[in-house]
C-alpha atoms as a PDB file:
ATOM      1  CA  MET A   1     118.050 101.473  94.426  1.00  0.00           C
ATOM      2  CA  LYS A   2     118.920  99.722  90.947  1.00  0.00           C
ATOM      3  CA  ILE A   3     117.973  96.650  89.083  1.00  0.00           C
ATOM      4  CA  GLY A   4     120.247  96.210  86.457  1.00  0.00           C
ATOM      5  CA  ASN A   5     120.781  99.403  84.815  1.00  0.00           C
ATOM      6  CA  ILE A   6     117.599 100.724  86.167  1.00  0.00           C
ATOM      7  CA  GLU A   7     117.695 103.444  88.425  1.00  0.00           C
ATOM      8  CA  PHE A   8     114.557 103.886  90.948  1.00  0.00           C
ATOM      9  CA  GLY A   9     116.045 106.453  93.609  1.00  0.00           C
ATOM     10  CA  SER A  10     115.324 105.884  97.336  1.00  0.00           C
ATOM     11  CA  ARG A  11     112.243 104.313  98.609  1.00  0.00           C
ATOM     12  CA  PRO A  12     110.426 103.444  95.234  1.00  0.00           C
ATOM     13  CA  LEU A  13     107.074 101.751  95.460  1.00  0.00           C
ATOM     14  CA  PHE A  14     106.013  99.146  93.061  1.00  0.00           C
ATOM     15  CA  LEU A  15     102.573  98.004  91.915  1.00  0.00           C
ATOM     16  CA  ALA A  16     102.586  93.978  92.418  1.00  0.00           C
ATOM     17  CA  PRO A  17     101.556  91.591  89.574  1.00  0.00           C
ATOM     18  CA  MET A  18      97.989  90.620  90.014  1.00  0.00           C
ATOM     19  CA  GLU A  19      95.963  88.389  87.814  1.00  0.00           C
ATOM     20  CA  ASP A  20      92.736  89.900  86.249  1.00  0.00           C
ATOM     21  CA  VAL A  21      94.015  93.039  87.896  1.00  0.00           C
ATOM     22  CA  THR A  22      97.111  94.791  86.471  1.00  0.00           C
ATOM     23  CA  ASP A  23      96.035  95.101  82.838  1.00  0.00           C
ATOM     24  CA  ILE A  24      97.710  97.860  81.118  1.00  0.00           C
ATOM     25  CA  GLY A  25      94.854 100.577  81.768  1.00  0.00           C
ATOM     26  CA  PHE A  26      95.366  99.946  85.463  1.00  0.00           C
ATOM     27  CA  ARG A  27      99.146 100.016  85.296  1.00  0.00           C
ATOM     28  CA  MET A  28      99.290 103.376  83.474  1.00  0.00           C
ATOM     29  CA  LEU A  29      97.158 104.834  85.927  1.00  0.00           C
ATOM     30  CA  CYS A  30      99.187 103.732  88.721  1.00  0.00           C
ATOM     31  CA  LYS A  31     102.446 104.755  86.846  1.00  0.00           C
ATOM     32  CA  ARG A  32     100.747 108.320  86.527  1.00  0.00           C
ATOM     33  CA  PHE A  33     100.009 108.269  90.418  1.00  0.00           C
ATOM     34  CA  GLY A  34     103.734 107.581  91.183  1.00  0.00           C
ATOM     35  CA  ALA A  35     104.265 103.534  91.020  1.00  0.00           C
ATOM     36  CA  ALA A  36     107.941 103.291  90.303  1.00  0.00           C
ATOM     37  CA  MET A  37     107.725  99.917  88.759  1.00  0.00           C
ATOM     38  CA  VAL A  38     104.697  98.160  87.489  1.00  0.00           C
ATOM     39  CA  TYR A  39     104.035  94.590  86.535  1.00  0.00           C
ATOM     40  CA  THR A  40     101.671  92.604  84.164  1.00  0.00           C
ATOM     41  CA  GLU A  41      99.417  90.045  85.110  1.00  0.00           C
ATOM     42  CA  PHE A  42     101.368  86.944  85.697  1.00  0.00           C
ATOM     43  CA  VAL A  43     101.931  84.638  82.489  1.00  0.00           C
ATOM     44  CA  SER A  44     101.734  80.772  82.304  1.00  0.00           C
ATOM     45  CA  ALA A  45     105.010  79.762  80.763  1.00  0.00           C
ATOM     46  CA  GLU A  46     102.890  76.620  79.467  1.00  0.00           C
ATOM     47  CA  ALA A  47     100.129  78.491  77.973  1.00  0.00           C
ATOM     48  CA  LEU A  48     102.799  81.112  76.233  1.00  0.00           C
ATOM     49  CA  VAL A  49     104.620  78.488  74.730  1.00  0.00           C
ATOM     50  CA  ARG A  50     101.486  76.677  73.457  1.00  0.00           C
ATOM     51  CA  SER A  51     100.738  80.518  71.982  1.00  0.00           C
ATOM     52  CA  ILE A  52      97.519  80.650  73.886  1.00  0.00           C
ATOM     53  CA  LYS A  53      96.034  83.982  72.594  1.00  0.00           C
ATOM     54  CA  SER A  54      94.569  85.215  75.875  1.00  0.00           C
ATOM     55  CA  THR A  55      98.241  84.617  77.580  1.00  0.00           C
ATOM     56  CA  VAL A  56     100.006  86.101  74.629  1.00  0.00           C
ATOM     57  CA  SER A  57      97.722  89.361  74.739  1.00  0.00           C
ATOM     58  CA  LYS A  58      99.286  89.875  78.269  1.00  0.00           C
ATOM     59  CA  LEU A  59     102.717  90.509  76.828  1.00  0.00           C
ATOM     60  CA  THR A  60     101.461  93.759  75.572  1.00  0.00           C
ATOM     61  CA  ILE A  61     103.319  96.601  76.947  1.00  0.00           C
ATOM     62  CA  SER A  62     103.529 100.495  76.469  1.00  0.00           C
ATOM     63  CA  ASP A  63     106.774 102.685  76.747  1.00  0.00           C
ATOM     64  CA  GLU A  64     104.546 104.967  78.700  1.00  0.00           C
ATOM     65  CA  GLU A  65     104.492 102.391  81.603  1.00  0.00           C
ATOM     66  CA  ARG A  66     108.363 101.699  81.709  1.00  0.00           C
ATOM     67  CA  PRO A  67     110.017 100.331  83.756  1.00  0.00           C
ATOM     68  CA  VAL A  68     107.442  97.472  83.526  1.00  0.00           C
ATOM     69  CA  GLY A  69     108.303  93.882  84.464  1.00  0.00           C
ATOM     70  CA  ILE A  70     106.686  90.590  83.011  1.00  0.00           C
ATOM     71  CA  GLN A  71     106.219  87.847  85.446  1.00  0.00           C
ATOM     72  CA  ILE A  72     106.048  84.193  84.450  1.00  0.00           C
ATOM     73  CA  TYR A  73     105.191  81.189  86.418  1.00  0.00           C
ATOM     74  CA  GLY A  74     105.539  77.421  85.356  1.00  0.00           C
ATOM     75  CA  ARG A  75     106.696  74.113  86.600  1.00  0.00           C
ATOM     76  CA  THR A  76     109.412  72.799  84.084  1.00  0.00           C
ATOM     77  CA  VAL A  77     112.613  74.116  83.180  1.00  0.00           C
ATOM     78  CA  GLU A  78     112.054  73.466  79.633  1.00  0.00           C
ATOM     79  CA  ASP A  79     108.745  75.815  79.490  1.00  0.00           C
ATOM     80  CA  MET A  80     110.301  78.446  81.952  1.00  0.00           C
ATOM     81  CA  VAL A  81     113.254  79.194  79.460  1.00  0.00           C
ATOM     82  CA  GLU A  82     111.357  79.059  76.393  1.00  0.00           C
ATOM     83  CA  ALA A  83     108.509  81.339  77.845  1.00  0.00           C
ATOM     84  CA  ALA A  84     111.559  83.694  79.163  1.00  0.00           C
ATOM     85  CA  ARG A  85     112.768  84.061  75.663  1.00  0.00           C
ATOM     86  CA  ILE A  86     109.534  84.704  74.129  1.00  0.00           C
ATOM     87  CA  VAL A  87     108.863  87.318  76.796  1.00  0.00           C
ATOM     88  CA  GLU A  88     112.284  88.893  76.139  1.00  0.00           C
ATOM     89  CA  GLN A  89     110.885  89.813  72.751  1.00  0.00           C
ATOM     90  CA  ALA A  90     108.130  92.073  73.969  1.00  0.00           C
ATOM     91  CA  ARG A  91     111.055  93.993  75.639  1.00  0.00           C
ATOM     92  CA  PRO A  92     110.240  94.211  79.231  1.00  0.00           C
ATOM     93  CA  ASP A  93     112.625  95.894  81.645  1.00  0.00           C
ATOM     94  CA  VAL A  94     112.216  92.954  83.909  1.00  0.00           C
ATOM     95  CA  ILE A  95     111.475  89.348  83.868  1.00  0.00           C
ATOM     96  CA  ASP A  96     110.059  88.139  87.163  1.00  0.00           C
ATOM     97  CA  ILE A  97     109.703  84.866  88.005  1.00  0.00           C
ATOM     98  CA  ASN A  98     106.677  84.005  90.203  1.00  0.00           C
ATOM     99  CA  PHE A  99     107.545  81.464  93.144  1.00  0.00           C
ATOM    100  CA  GLY A 100     104.990  82.961  95.385  1.00  0.00           C
ATOM    101  CA  CYS A 101     101.335  82.506  93.981  1.00  0.00           C
ATOM    102  CA  PRO A 102      99.582  80.355  96.749  1.00  0.00           C
ATOM    103  CA  VAL A 103      96.279  79.603  94.887  1.00  0.00           C
ATOM    104  CA  LYS A 104      95.575  75.884  94.497  1.00  0.00           C
ATOM    105  CA  LYS A 105      95.238  75.930  90.345  1.00  0.00           C
ATOM    106  CA  VAL A 106      99.025  77.093  90.624  1.00  0.00           C
ATOM    107  CA  ALA A 107     100.796  76.015  93.534  1.00  0.00           C
ATOM    108  CA  GLY A 108      98.912  72.828  93.718  1.00  0.00           C
ATOM    109  CA  LYS A 109     100.431  71.807  90.418  1.00  0.00           C
ATOM    110  CA  GLY A 110     103.839  72.509  91.621  1.00  0.00           C
ATOM    111  CA  ALA A 111     104.141  75.966  90.088  1.00  0.00           C
ATOM    112  CA  GLY A 112     104.119  79.295  91.857  1.00  0.00           C
ATOM    113  CA  ALA A 113     104.463  78.985  95.724  1.00  0.00           C
ATOM    114  CA  GLY A 114     104.246  75.138  94.948  1.00  0.00           C
ATOM    115  CA  MET A 115     108.183  75.481  94.282  1.00  0.00           C
ATOM    116  CA  LEU A 116     108.796  76.274  97.940  1.00  0.00           C
ATOM    117  CA  LYS A 117     108.253  72.243  98.336  1.00  0.00           C
ATOM    118  CA  ASN A 118     110.829  71.585  95.624  1.00  0.00           C
ATOM    119  CA  VAL A 119     113.641  74.344  96.115  1.00  0.00           C
ATOM    120  CA  PRO A 120     116.103  72.391  93.768  1.00  0.00           C
ATOM    121  CA  LEU A 121     113.926  72.642  90.841  1.00  0.00           C
ATOM    122  CA  MET A 122     113.025  76.185  91.938  1.00  0.00           C
ATOM    123  CA  LEU A 123     116.989  76.883  91.484  1.00  0.00           C
ATOM    124  CA  ASP A 124     117.419  74.937  88.676  1.00  0.00           C
ATOM    125  CA  ILE A 125     114.530  76.973  86.576  1.00  0.00           C
ATOM    126  CA  THR A 126     115.901  80.201  88.389  1.00  0.00           C
ATOM    127  CA  ARG A 127     119.566  79.738  87.145  1.00  0.00           C
ATOM    128  CA  GLU A 128     118.513  78.436  83.325  1.00  0.00           C
ATOM    129  CA  VAL A 129     116.087  81.398  83.116  1.00  0.00           C
ATOM    130  CA  VAL A 130     119.045  83.874  83.996  1.00  0.00           C
ATOM    131  CA  LYS A 131     121.460  82.324  81.469  1.00  0.00           C
ATOM    132  CA  ALA A 132     118.781  82.118  78.767  1.00  0.00           C
ATOM    133  CA  VAL A 133     117.919  85.952  78.487  1.00  0.00           C
ATOM    134  CA  LYS A 134     119.843  89.201  78.531  1.00  0.00           C
ATOM    135  CA  VAL A 135     117.092  91.145  80.610  1.00  0.00           C
ATOM    136  CA  PRO A 136     117.559  91.461  84.288  1.00  0.00           C
ATOM    137  CA  VAL A 137     115.890  88.353  86.057  1.00  0.00           C
ATOM    138  CA  THR A 138     114.096  88.894  89.539  1.00  0.00           C
ATOM    139  CA  VAL A 139     112.186  86.342  91.560  1.00  0.00           C
ATOM    140  CA  LYS A 140     109.202  86.919  93.857  1.00  0.00           C
ATOM    141  CA  THR A 141     108.333  84.195  96.613  1.00  0.00           C
ATOM    142  CA  ARG A 142     107.229  83.622 100.245  1.00  0.00           C
ATOM    143  CA  LEU A 143     108.728  82.836 103.475  1.00  0.00           C
ATOM    144  CA  GLY A 144     108.162  79.052 103.020  1.00  0.00           C
ATOM    145  CA  TRP A 145     105.702  76.648 102.650  1.00  0.00           C
ATOM    146  CA  ASP A 146     104.374  76.742 106.139  1.00  0.00           C
ATOM    147  CA  SER A 147     105.097  77.763 109.612  1.00  0.00           C
ATOM    148  CA  ASN A 148     107.244  74.937 110.196  1.00  0.00           C
ATOM    149  CA  ASN A 149     109.271  75.537 106.752  1.00  0.00           C
ATOM    150  CA  LEU A 150     110.556  79.036 106.886  1.00  0.00           C
ATOM    151  CA  ILE A 151     113.304  78.749 104.427  1.00  0.00           C
ATOM    152  CA  ILE A 152     113.526  82.271 102.905  1.00  0.00           C
ATOM    153  CA  SER A 153     116.668  83.398 104.946  1.00  0.00           C
ATOM    154  CA  GLU A 154     118.627  80.560 103.023  1.00  0.00           C
ATOM    155  CA  LEU A 155     116.561  80.713 100.043  1.00  0.00           C
ATOM    156  CA  ALA A 156     117.400  84.096  99.480  1.00  0.00           C
ATOM    157  CA  GLU A 157     121.104  83.334  99.434  1.00  0.00           C
ATOM    158  CA  GLN A 158     120.617  80.461  96.977  1.00  0.00           C
ATOM    159  CA  LEU A 159     118.589  82.488  94.628  1.00  0.00           C
ATOM    160  CA  GLN A 160     121.134  85.190  94.741  1.00  0.00           C
ATOM    161  CA  ASP A 161     123.686  82.840  93.765  1.00  0.00           C
ATOM    162  CA  CYS A 162     121.532  81.802  90.392  1.00  0.00           C
ATOM    163  CA  GLY A 163     122.005  85.241  89.070  1.00  0.00           C
ATOM    164  CA  ILE A 164     118.801  87.151  89.933  1.00  0.00           C
ATOM    165  CA  GLN A 165     118.818  90.963  90.249  1.00  0.00           C
ATOM    166  CA  ALA A 166     116.328  91.496  93.070  1.00  0.00           C
ATOM    167  CA  LEU A 167     114.117  89.535  95.137  1.00  0.00           C
ATOM    168  CA  THR A 168     110.490  90.318  96.261  1.00  0.00           C
ATOM    169  CA  ILE A 169     109.425  88.553  99.476  1.00  0.00           C
ATOM    170  CA  HIS A 170     105.712  88.371 100.559  1.00  0.00           C
ATOM    171  CA  GLY A 171     105.753  87.999 104.256  1.00  0.00           C
ATOM    172  CA  ARG A 172     103.575  84.952 104.687  1.00  0.00           C
ATOM    173  CA  THR A 173     103.605  81.218 103.973  1.00  0.00           C
ATOM    174  CA  ARG A 174     101.939  79.479 101.091  1.00  0.00           C
ATOM    175  CA  SER A 175      99.714  77.582 103.939  1.00  0.00           C
ATOM    176  CA  GLN A 176      98.578  81.302 105.146  1.00  0.00           C
ATOM    177  CA  MET A 177      97.243  82.229 101.687  1.00  0.00           C
ATOM    178  CA  TYR A 178      96.363  85.944 102.292  1.00  0.00           C
ATOM    179  CA  THR A 179      95.116  85.234 106.011  1.00  0.00           C
ATOM    180  CA  GLY A 180      96.604  86.632 109.211  1.00  0.00           C
ATOM    181  CA  GLU A 181      99.309  89.130 109.254  1.00  0.00           C
ATOM    182  CA  ALA A 182     102.459  89.395 106.851  1.00  0.00           C
ATOM    183  CA  ASP A 183     105.604  88.821 108.762  1.00  0.00           C
ATOM    184  CA  TRP A 184     108.151  91.721 108.108  1.00  0.00           C
ATOM    185  CA  SER A 185     110.671  90.410 110.481  1.00  0.00           C
ATOM    186  CA  LEU A 186     111.935  87.634 108.345  1.00  0.00           C
ATOM    187  CA  ILE A 187     112.189  90.141 105.428  1.00  0.00           C
ATOM    188  CA  GLY A 188     114.016  92.413 107.277  1.00  0.00           C
ATOM    189  CA  GLU A 189     116.378  89.620 108.311  1.00  0.00           C
ATOM    190  CA  VAL A 190     117.112  88.810 104.792  1.00  0.00           C
ATOM    191  CA  LYS A 191     117.774  92.454 103.894  1.00  0.00           C
ATOM    192  CA  ASN A 192     119.965  92.956 106.807  1.00  0.00           C
ATOM    193  CA  ASN A 193     122.026  89.757 106.025  1.00  0.00           C
ATOM    194  CA  PRO A 194     125.537  90.767 105.170  1.00  0.00           C
ATOM    195  CA  ARG A 195     125.769  88.340 102.492  1.00  0.00           C
ATOM    196  CA  ILE A 196     122.919  89.564 100.441  1.00  0.00           C
ATOM    197  CA  HIS A 197     123.932  92.303  97.913  1.00  0.00           C
ATOM    198  CA  ILE A 198     120.787  92.425  95.733  1.00  0.00           C
ATOM    199  CA  PRO A 199     118.051  94.616  96.243  1.00  0.00           C
ATOM    200  CA  ILE A 200     115.266  93.328  98.778  1.00  0.00           C
ATOM    201  CA  ILE A 201     111.624  94.277  98.081  1.00  0.00           C
ATOM    202  CA  GLY A 202     109.088  93.917 100.557  1.00  0.00           C
ATOM    203  CA  ASN A 203     105.423  93.029  99.912  1.00  0.00           C
ATOM    204  CA  GLY A 204     102.496  92.352 102.396  1.00  0.00           C
ATOM    205  CA  ASP A 205      99.724  94.351 103.939  1.00  0.00           C
ATOM    206  CA  ILE A 206     100.895  97.550 102.834  1.00  0.00           C
ATOM    207  CA  GLY A 207      97.855  99.858 102.653  1.00  0.00           C
ATOM    208  CA  SER A 208      98.966 103.125 102.457  1.00  0.00           C
ATOM    209  CA  ILE A 209     102.054 105.403 101.568  1.00  0.00           C
ATOM    210  CA  ALA A 210     102.527 106.044 105.475  1.00  0.00           C
ATOM    211  CA  GLU A 211     102.889 102.204 106.015  1.00  0.00           C
ATOM    212  CA  ALA A 212     105.159 101.903 103.205  1.00  0.00           C
ATOM    213  CA  HIS A 213     107.350 104.449 104.607  1.00  0.00           C
ATOM    214  CA  GLU A 214     107.103 102.692 108.145  1.00  0.00           C
ATOM    215  CA  ALA A 215     108.317  99.491 106.177  1.00  0.00           C
ATOM    216  CA  PHE A 216     111.196 101.436 104.987  1.00  0.00           C
ATOM    217  CA  ASP A 217     112.150 102.628 108.171  1.00  0.00           C
ATOM    218  CA  ARG A 218     111.507  99.315 110.318  1.00  0.00           C
ATOM    219  CA  TYR A 219     113.144  96.731 107.966  1.00  0.00           C
ATOM    220  CA  GLY A 220     115.451  98.635 105.884  1.00  0.00           C
ATOM    221  CA  VAL A 221     114.052  97.202 102.560  1.00  0.00           C
ATOM    222  CA  ASP A 222     115.040  98.802  99.306  1.00  0.00           C
ATOM    223  CA  ALA A 223     111.483  99.066  97.816  1.00  0.00           C
ATOM    224  CA  VAL A 224     108.101  98.153  98.966  1.00  0.00           C
ATOM    225  CA  MET A 225     105.690  96.318  96.795  1.00  0.00           C
ATOM    226  CA  ILE A 226     101.655  97.052  97.079  1.00  0.00           C
ATOM    227  CA  GLY A 227      99.263  94.524  95.922  1.00  0.00           C
ATOM    228  CA  ARG A 228      95.514  94.319  96.713  1.00  0.00           C
ATOM    229  CA  ALA A 229      95.303  97.717  98.621  1.00  0.00           C
ATOM    230  CA  THR A 230      95.338  99.331  95.135  1.00  0.00           C
ATOM    231  CA  PHE A 231      92.285  97.862  94.016  1.00  0.00           C
ATOM    232  CA  GLY A 232      89.852 100.756  92.963  1.00  0.00           C
ATOM    233  CA  GLN A 233      92.364 103.293  94.131  1.00  0.00           C
ATOM    234  CA  PRO A 234      95.247 103.570  91.700  1.00  0.00           C
ATOM    235  CA  TRP A 235      96.034 106.827  93.328  1.00  0.00           C
ATOM    236  CA  LEU A 236      97.377 105.168  96.341  1.00  0.00           C
ATOM    237  CA  PHE A 237     101.030 105.678  94.880  1.00  0.00           C
ATOM    238  CA  SER A 238     100.510 109.361  95.047  1.00  0.00           C
ATOM    239  CA  GLU A 239     101.814 111.863  97.885  1.00  0.00           C
ATOM    240  CA  GLN A 240      99.108 114.368  96.690  1.00  0.00           C
ATOM    241  CA  PRO A 241      95.753 113.867  97.972  1.00  0.00           C
ATOM    242  CA  LEU A 242      92.817 113.700  95.846  1.00  0.00           C
ATOM    243  CA  THR A 243      89.066 114.905  96.577  1.00  0.00           C
ATOM    244  CA  TYR A 244      86.379 112.251  96.220  1.00  0.00           C
ATOM    245  CA  GLU A 245      85.290 113.934  92.819  1.00  0.00           C
ATOM    246  CA  GLU A 246      88.623 113.665  91.451  1.00  0.00           C
ATOM    247  CA  LYS A 247      88.762 109.720  92.509  1.00  0.00           C
ATOM    248  CA  ILE A 248      85.269 109.294  90.927  1.00  0.00           C
ATOM    249  CA  GLY A 249      86.925 111.137  87.946  1.00  0.00           C
ATOM    250  CA  VAL A 250      90.159 108.561  87.691  1.00  0.00           C
ATOM    251  CA  LEU A 251      87.675 105.528  88.000  1.00  0.00           C
ATOM    252  CA  GLU A 252      85.577 106.748  85.141  1.00  0.00           C
ATOM    253  CA  GLU A 253      88.946 107.230  83.236  1.00  0.00           C
ATOM    254  CA  GLN A 254      89.891 103.688  83.949  1.00  0.00           C
ATOM    255  CA  LEU A 255      86.445 102.417  82.716  1.00  0.00           C
ATOM    256  CA  ARG A 256      86.840 104.638  79.590  1.00  0.00           C
ATOM    257  CA  ILE A 257      90.671 103.248  79.052  1.00  0.00           C
ATOM    258  CA  ASN A 258      89.521  99.580  79.367  1.00  0.00           C
ATOM    259  CA  VAL A 259      86.341 100.036  77.057  1.00  0.00           C
ATOM    260  CA  GLU A 260      88.483 101.521  74.244  1.00  0.00           C
ATOM    261  CA  ARG A 261      90.956  98.681  74.881  1.00  0.00           C
ATOM    262  CA  ILE A 262      88.914  95.655  74.814  1.00  0.00           C
ATOM    263  CA  GLY A 263      85.188  96.546  74.040  1.00  0.00           C
ATOM    264  CA  GLU A 264      82.321  97.512  76.189  1.00  0.00           C
ATOM    265  CA  TYR A 265      81.348  94.105  77.646  1.00  0.00           C
ATOM    266  CA  ARG A 266      85.144  93.050  78.322  1.00  0.00           C
ATOM    267  CA  GLY A 267      85.870  96.752  79.470  1.00  0.00           C
ATOM    268  CA  ILE A 268      83.194  96.951  81.855  1.00  0.00           C
ATOM    269  CA  LEU A 269      84.192  93.448  83.523  1.00  0.00           C
ATOM    270  CA  HIS A 270      87.621  94.299  84.056  1.00  0.00           C
ATOM    271  CA  THR A 271      86.825  97.631  85.470  1.00  0.00           C
ATOM    272  CA  ARG A 272      83.715  96.929  87.562  1.00  0.00           C
ATOM    273  CA  ARG A 273      85.642  94.852  90.522  1.00  0.00           C
ATOM    274  CA  HIS A 274      87.834  97.920  91.018  1.00  0.00           C
ATOM    275  CA  LEU A 275      84.639 100.063  91.310  1.00  0.00           C
ATOM    276  CA  ALA A 276      82.942  97.521  93.606  1.00  0.00           C
ATOM    277  CA  ALA A 277      86.063  97.440  95.986  1.00  0.00           C
ATOM    278  CA  SER A 278      87.101 100.719  96.051  1.00  0.00           C
ATOM    279  CA  PRO A 279      87.227 102.306  99.649  1.00  0.00           C
ATOM    280  CA  ILE A 280      86.040 105.814  98.644  1.00  0.00           C
ATOM    281  CA  PHE A 281      82.349 104.486  98.744  1.00  0.00           C
ATOM    282  CA  LYS A 282      82.770 103.739 102.594  1.00  0.00           C
ATOM    283  CA  GLY A 283      80.364 105.300 104.540  1.00  0.00           C
ATOM    284  CA  ILE A 284      77.679 105.713 101.374  1.00  0.00           C
ATOM    285  CA  PRO A 285      74.363 104.638 102.972  1.00  0.00           C
ATOM    286  CA  ASN A 286      72.829 101.353 101.492  1.00  0.00           C
ATOM    287  CA  PHE A 287      75.869 100.904  99.548  1.00  0.00           C
ATOM    288  CA  ARG A 288      75.406  97.389  99.290  1.00  0.00           C
ATOM    289  CA  GLN A 289      72.542  97.401  96.871  1.00  0.00           C
ATOM    290  CA  THR A 290      74.511 100.045  94.837  1.00  0.00           C
ATOM    291  CA  ARG A 291      77.492  97.471  94.673  1.00  0.00           C
ATOM    292  CA  ILE A 292      75.550  94.749  93.564  1.00  0.00           C
ATOM    293  CA  ALA A 293      74.151  97.063  90.675  1.00  0.00           C
ATOM    294  CA  MET A 294      77.793  97.950  89.707  1.00  0.00           C
ATOM    295  CA  LEU A 295      78.639  94.070  89.609  1.00  0.00           C
ATOM    296  CA  ARG A 296      75.513  93.536  87.225  1.00  0.00           C
ATOM    297  CA  ALA A 297      76.275  96.790  84.901  1.00  0.00           C
ATOM    298  CA  THR A 298      76.490  95.906  81.465  1.00  0.00           C
ATOM    299  CA  THR A 299      76.912  99.172  79.683  1.00  0.00           C
ATOM    300  CA  VAL A 300      79.200 102.402  79.924  1.00  0.00           C
ATOM    301  CA  GLU A 301      75.929 104.487  80.384  1.00  0.00           C
ATOM    302  CA  GLU A 302      74.598 102.376  83.044  1.00  0.00           C
ATOM    303  CA  LEU A 303      77.898 102.169  85.038  1.00  0.00           C
ATOM    304  CA  MET A 304      78.416 105.815  84.775  1.00  0.00           C
ATOM    305  CA  GLY A 305      75.271 106.747  85.744  1.00  0.00           C
ATOM    306  CA  ILE A 306      75.498 104.824  89.043  1.00  0.00           C
ATOM    307  CA  LEU A 307      79.108 106.505  89.345  1.00  0.00           C
ATOM    308  CA  LYS A 308      77.488 110.121  89.184  1.00  0.00           C
ATOM    309  CA  ASN A 309      74.488 109.404  91.262  1.00  0.00           C
ATOM    310  CA  LEU A 310      76.336 108.438  94.430  1.00  0.00           C
ATOM    311  CA  THR A 311      76.587 111.016  97.246  1.00  0.00           C
ATOM    312  CA  PRO A 312      79.361 110.245  99.671  1.00  0.00           C
ATOM    313  CA  ASP A 313      78.865 110.822 103.414  1.00  0.00           C
ATOM    314  CA  PRO A 314      79.049 114.589 103.754  1.00  0.00           C
ATOM    315  CA  SER A 315      81.396 114.147 106.465  1.00  0.00           C
ATOM    316  CA  VAL A 316      84.141 112.922 104.144  1.00  0.00           C
ATOM    317  CA  LYS A 317      83.127 114.674 100.917  1.00  0.00           C
ATOM    318  CA  ASP A 318      85.468 117.388 100.822  1.00  0.00           C
ATOM    319  CA  ARG A 319      88.070 115.779 102.891  1.00  0.00           C
ATOM    320  CA  ARG A 320      91.489 114.925 101.142  1.00  0.00           C
ATOM    321  CA  GLU A 321      93.086 111.776 102.267  1.00  0.00           C
END
């Protein structure tokens, strides 16, 4: 599979762009464990054009994480084109346009998945961004606004005609948000459309490498993108199982990376949601109180102490997953 001149090989796994999740430390760990492509947190075009410091900081990428994509979202052609030009200066391997974010503060204002209600504007933005930059442009979107407007089959062809070099499809409508099950049948329909010649990347409800391989087998997609299942387990992309102790070591490393990068207080804030969500703690007796303690921790010493004192269920302690 290729996007532009980037060769990924067969069956690559991508890390989905996620707000407040895919910071550079987390991306580097996911890359180490096998993610073929990683993406930054998504970037507001309007905020980028206005040079908002917290937004500009999201453009920081490292050569060690390449290939890496920067994803932008917005609601006007002018802001999106200017933002794409600014992003191009950060030298990403791909610029991805977000037409899929369902949250109210984005979609409710007409950006993200809100564009599914204004396809002509979506296509204008896509066409103009493609023309404005030299880096490959891709798109991430959903099946449609709701179950009565499943427009992805026609939309995929229209976006392809705008010049994008890959399309990621999340198998839900905007109305579903993140509820219910992702419908991969429509993703497969797009992939098997003989008029589609760009790579199709499937996304939604993939929680393991085994599930990703099943999606490749059943729907023929070119790549699989994994999102929420990576919370607290950047090793999800690895074919090589890790022990509980090794996983704890990775989470501790993630904490150290973030503290070194953005300071103790913010580094802990950025990391503890991963710790609290990590599935490796399932089965630990009375973990609810420990989880609360994790979310309240304010120093590295306190958080490290909680991790070191955790005792896993003996029945899974030495089991490699």
